[in-house]
Amino acid sequence: MTDATPADVAELSYEQARDELVQVVQKLEQGAATLEESLALWERGEALARRCEEWLVGAKARLDAARAAAEES
């Protein structure tokens, strides 16, 4: 995981957010973190998942717009 603050999540590309989210999940699944560390990882994971969803929603909107434009022509 990076040393980025939660505000930095908005700066991440889809691939960066997805890769970090995978790391967060792996750390949580290991179960070695303290409760406080687990909560911080969970919160970071939630922020990363939201960022990935933002990218995917944006990509879908672009595809829908391109399809609509293609159908009009």
N, C-alpha and C. Protein backbone atom coordinates (compact mmCIF):
# COMPACT_ATOMS: atom_id res chain seq x y z
N MET A 1 0.85 -1.18 0.00
CA MET A 1 0.00 0.00 0.00
C MET A 1 0.89 1.23 0.00
N THR A 2 0.41 2.29 -0.58
CA THR A 2 1.19 3.52 -0.63
C THR A 2 0.98 4.32 0.64
N ASP A 3 1.77 5.37 0.78
CA ASP A 3 1.63 6.27 1.92
C ASP A 3 0.65 7.40 1.62
N ALA A 4 -0.14 7.24 0.58
CA ALA A 4 -1.06 8.29 0.15
C ALA A 4 -2.15 8.51 1.19
N THR A 5 -2.59 9.74 1.27
CA THR A 5 -3.71 10.07 2.15
C THR A 5 -5.01 9.77 1.42
N PRO A 6 -6.12 9.68 2.14
CA PRO A 6 -7.40 9.41 1.48
C PRO A 6 -7.74 10.41 0.38
N ALA A 7 -7.31 11.65 0.53
CA ALA A 7 -7.58 12.65 -0.51
C ALA A 7 -6.87 12.29 -1.80
N ASP A 8 -5.75 11.59 -1.69
CA ASP A 8 -4.99 11.22 -2.87
C ASP A 8 -5.69 10.17 -3.73
N VAL A 9 -6.67 9.50 -3.19
CA VAL A 9 -7.40 8.48 -3.94
C VAL A 9 -8.00 9.09 -5.21
N ALA A 10 -8.46 10.32 -5.13
CA ALA A 10 -9.06 10.99 -6.27
C ALA A 10 -8.08 11.20 -7.41
N GLU A 11 -6.79 11.12 -7.12
CA GLU A 11 -5.75 11.33 -8.13
C GLU A 11 -5.35 10.03 -8.83
N LEU A 12 -5.82 8.89 -8.33
CA LEU A 12 -5.38 7.60 -8.85
C LEU A 12 -6.08 7.23 -10.14
N SER A 13 -5.34 6.58 -11.02
CA SER A 13 -5.95 6.00 -12.21
C SER A 13 -6.74 4.76 -11.78
N TYR A 14 -7.54 4.25 -12.69
CA TYR A 14 -8.29 3.03 -12.38
C TYR A 14 -7.34 1.90 -11.99
N GLU A 15 -6.28 1.72 -12.79
CA GLU A 15 -5.35 0.62 -12.56
C GLU A 15 -4.62 0.76 -11.22
N GLN A 16 -4.25 1.99 -10.88
CA GLN A 16 -3.57 2.22 -9.60
C GLN A 16 -4.51 1.90 -8.43
N ALA A 17 -5.75 2.38 -8.51
CA ALA A 17 -6.71 2.14 -7.45
C ALA A 17 -7.02 0.64 -7.33
N ARG A 18 -7.19 -0.03 -8.47
CA ARG A 18 -7.49 -1.46 -8.46
C ARG A 18 -6.34 -2.25 -7.85
N ASP A 19 -5.11 -1.94 -8.25
CA ASP A 19 -3.96 -2.67 -7.73
C ASP A 19 -3.79 -2.46 -6.23
N GLU A 20 -3.99 -1.24 -5.78
CA GLU A 20 -3.88 -0.98 -4.34
C GLU A 20 -5.01 -1.67 -3.59
N LEU A 21 -6.19 -1.69 -4.17
CA LEU A 21 -7.32 -2.37 -3.54
C LEU A 21 -7.02 -3.86 -3.36
N VAL A 22 -6.41 -4.47 -4.35
CA VAL A 22 -6.01 -5.88 -4.25
C VAL A 22 -5.05 -6.07 -3.07
N GLN A 23 -4.10 -5.15 -2.93
CA GLN A 23 -3.15 -5.24 -1.81
C GLN A 23 -3.86 -5.10 -0.47
N VAL A 24 -4.80 -4.19 -0.39
CA VAL A 24 -5.55 -3.98 0.86
C VAL A 24 -6.32 -5.25 1.22
N VAL A 25 -6.99 -5.84 0.25
CA VAL A 25 -7.76 -7.06 0.50
C VAL A 25 -6.84 -8.18 0.98
N GLN A 26 -5.69 -8.33 0.34
CA GLN A 26 -4.74 -9.37 0.75
C GLN A 26 -4.30 -9.16 2.19
N LYS A 27 -4.00 -7.93 2.57
CA LYS A 27 -3.59 -7.65 3.94
C LYS A 27 -4.70 -7.96 4.93
N LEU A 28 -5.94 -7.61 4.58
CA LEU A 28 -7.06 -7.90 5.47
C LEU A 28 -7.28 -9.41 5.60
N GLU A 29 -7.13 -10.13 4.49
CA GLU A 29 -7.34 -11.58 4.52
C GLU A 29 -6.27 -12.30 5.34
N GLN A 30 -5.08 -11.71 5.44
CA GLN A 30 -4.02 -12.34 6.23
C GLN A 30 -4.37 -12.35 7.72
N GLY A 31 -5.16 -11.36 8.15
CA GLY A 31 -5.61 -11.32 9.53
C GLY A 31 -4.54 -10.96 10.54
N ALA A 32 -3.40 -10.49 10.12
CA ALA A 32 -2.30 -10.19 11.04
C ALA A 32 -2.36 -8.76 11.58
N ALA A 33 -3.20 -7.93 11.00
CA ALA A 33 -3.26 -6.52 11.41
C ALA A 33 -4.02 -6.38 12.73
N THR A 34 -3.68 -5.33 13.46
CA THR A 34 -4.43 -5.00 14.67
C THR A 34 -5.82 -4.49 14.26
N LEU A 35 -6.69 -4.34 15.21
CA LEU A 35 -8.02 -3.82 14.93
C LEU A 35 -7.94 -2.44 14.31
N GLU A 36 -7.11 -1.58 14.86
CA GLU A 36 -6.97 -0.22 14.34
C GLU A 36 -6.43 -0.24 12.91
N GLU A 37 -5.42 -1.09 12.66
CA GLU A 37 -4.88 -1.21 11.31
C GLU A 37 -5.91 -1.77 10.34
N SER A 38 -6.69 -2.74 10.82
CA SER A 38 -7.74 -3.33 9.98
C SER A 38 -8.79 -2.30 9.61
N LEU A 39 -9.17 -1.46 10.55
CA LEU A 39 -10.15 -0.41 10.27
C LEU A 39 -9.60 0.59 9.26
N ALA A 40 -8.34 0.95 9.41
CA ALA A 40 -7.72 1.89 8.46
C ALA A 40 -7.65 1.26 7.07
N LEU A 41 -7.29 -0.02 7.00
CA LEU A 41 -7.26 -0.71 5.71
C LEU A 41 -8.64 -0.78 5.10
N TRP A 42 -9.65 -1.08 5.92
CA TRP A 42 -11.03 -1.16 5.43
C TRP A 42 -11.46 0.19 4.84
N GLU A 43 -11.20 1.25 5.57
CA GLU A 43 -11.57 2.58 5.09
C GLU A 43 -10.85 2.92 3.79
N ARG A 44 -9.58 2.59 3.70
CA ARG A 44 -8.82 2.83 2.48
C ARG A 44 -9.40 2.00 1.34
N GLY A 45 -9.73 0.76 1.63
CA GLY A 45 -10.32 -0.11 0.62
C GLY A 45 -11.65 0.42 0.11
N GLU A 46 -12.46 0.93 1.00
CA GLU A 46 -13.75 1.51 0.59
C GLU A 46 -13.52 2.71 -0.35
N ALA A 47 -12.57 3.56 0.00
CA ALA A 47 -12.26 4.72 -0.85
C ALA A 47 -11.73 4.28 -2.21
N LEU A 48 -10.90 3.26 -2.22
CA LEU A 48 -10.35 2.75 -3.48
C LEU A 48 -11.44 2.13 -4.34
N ALA A 49 -12.34 1.38 -3.71
CA ALA A 49 -13.45 0.77 -4.45
C ALA A 49 -14.35 1.84 -5.07
N ARG A 50 -14.61 2.91 -4.31
CA ARG A 50 -15.41 4.02 -4.86
C ARG A 50 -14.71 4.64 -6.06
N ARG A 51 -13.39 4.80 -5.97
CA ARG A 51 -12.63 5.38 -7.08
C ARG A 51 -12.70 4.49 -8.32
N CYS A 52 -12.57 3.20 -8.13
CA CYS A 52 -12.70 2.27 -9.26
C CYS A 52 -14.09 2.37 -9.88
N GLU A 53 -15.11 2.44 -9.04
CA GLU A 53 -16.47 2.56 -9.55
C GLU A 53 -16.66 3.86 -10.33
N GLU A 54 -16.08 4.96 -9.85
CA GLU A 54 -16.16 6.23 -10.58
C GLU A 54 -15.59 6.08 -11.99
N TRP A 55 -14.42 5.43 -12.08
CA TRP A 55 -13.80 5.22 -13.38
C TRP A 55 -14.68 4.36 -14.28
N LEU A 56 -15.25 3.29 -13.72
CA LEU A 56 -16.07 2.39 -14.53
C LEU A 56 -17.36 3.05 -14.99
N VAL A 57 -17.98 3.84 -14.12
CA VAL A 57 -19.19 4.57 -14.51
C VAL A 57 -18.86 5.57 -15.61
N GLY A 58 -17.74 6.26 -15.46
CA GLY A 58 -17.32 7.20 -16.49
C GLY A 58 -17.04 6.53 -17.82
N ALA A 59 -16.40 5.38 -17.76
CA ALA A 59 -16.11 4.64 -19.00
C ALA A 59 -17.40 4.18 -19.67
N LYS A 60 -18.35 3.72 -18.87
CA LYS A 60 -19.64 3.29 -19.44
C LYS A 60 -20.36 4.46 -20.09
N ALA A 61 -20.33 5.62 -19.45
CA ALA A 61 -20.98 6.80 -20.02
C ALA A 61 -20.34 7.18 -21.36
N ARG A 62 -19.02 7.09 -21.42
CA ARG A 62 -18.33 7.40 -22.68
C ARG A 62 -18.71 6.40 -23.78
N LEU A 63 -18.79 5.13 -23.42
CA LEU A 63 -19.18 4.12 -24.40
C LEU A 63 -20.60 4.33 -24.87
N ASP A 64 -21.50 4.61 -23.93
CA ASP A 64 -22.90 4.88 -24.29
C ASP A 64 -23.00 6.08 -25.23
N ALA A 65 -22.24 7.14 -24.95
CA ALA A 65 -22.26 8.33 -25.80
C ALA A 65 -21.72 8.01 -27.19
N ALA A 66 -20.67 7.22 -27.25
CA ALA A 66 -20.08 6.85 -28.55
C ALA A 66 -21.06 5.99 -29.35
N ARG A 67 -21.73 5.07 -28.69
CA ARG A 67 -22.73 4.24 -29.37
C ARG A 67 -23.88 5.08 -29.89
N ALA A 68 -24.34 6.01 -29.07
CA ALA A 68 -25.46 6.87 -29.47
C ALA A 68 -25.05 7.73 -30.68
N ALA A 69 -23.83 8.25 -30.65
CA ALA A 69 -23.35 9.06 -31.77
C ALA A 69 -23.23 8.24 -33.04
N ALA A 70 -22.80 6.99 -32.89
CA ALA A 70 -22.66 6.10 -34.05
C ALA A 70 -24.02 5.75 -34.64
N GLU A 71 -25.00 5.60 -33.80
CA GLU A 71 -26.36 5.28 -34.27
C GLU A 71 -26.99 6.46 -34.98
N GLU A 72 -26.64 7.69 -34.58
CA GLU A 72 -27.20 8.88 -35.21
C GLU A 72 -26.63 9.12 -36.60
N SER A 73 -25.43 8.64 -36.84
CA SER A 73 -24.80 8.92 -38.13
C SER A 73 -25.06 7.83 -39.15
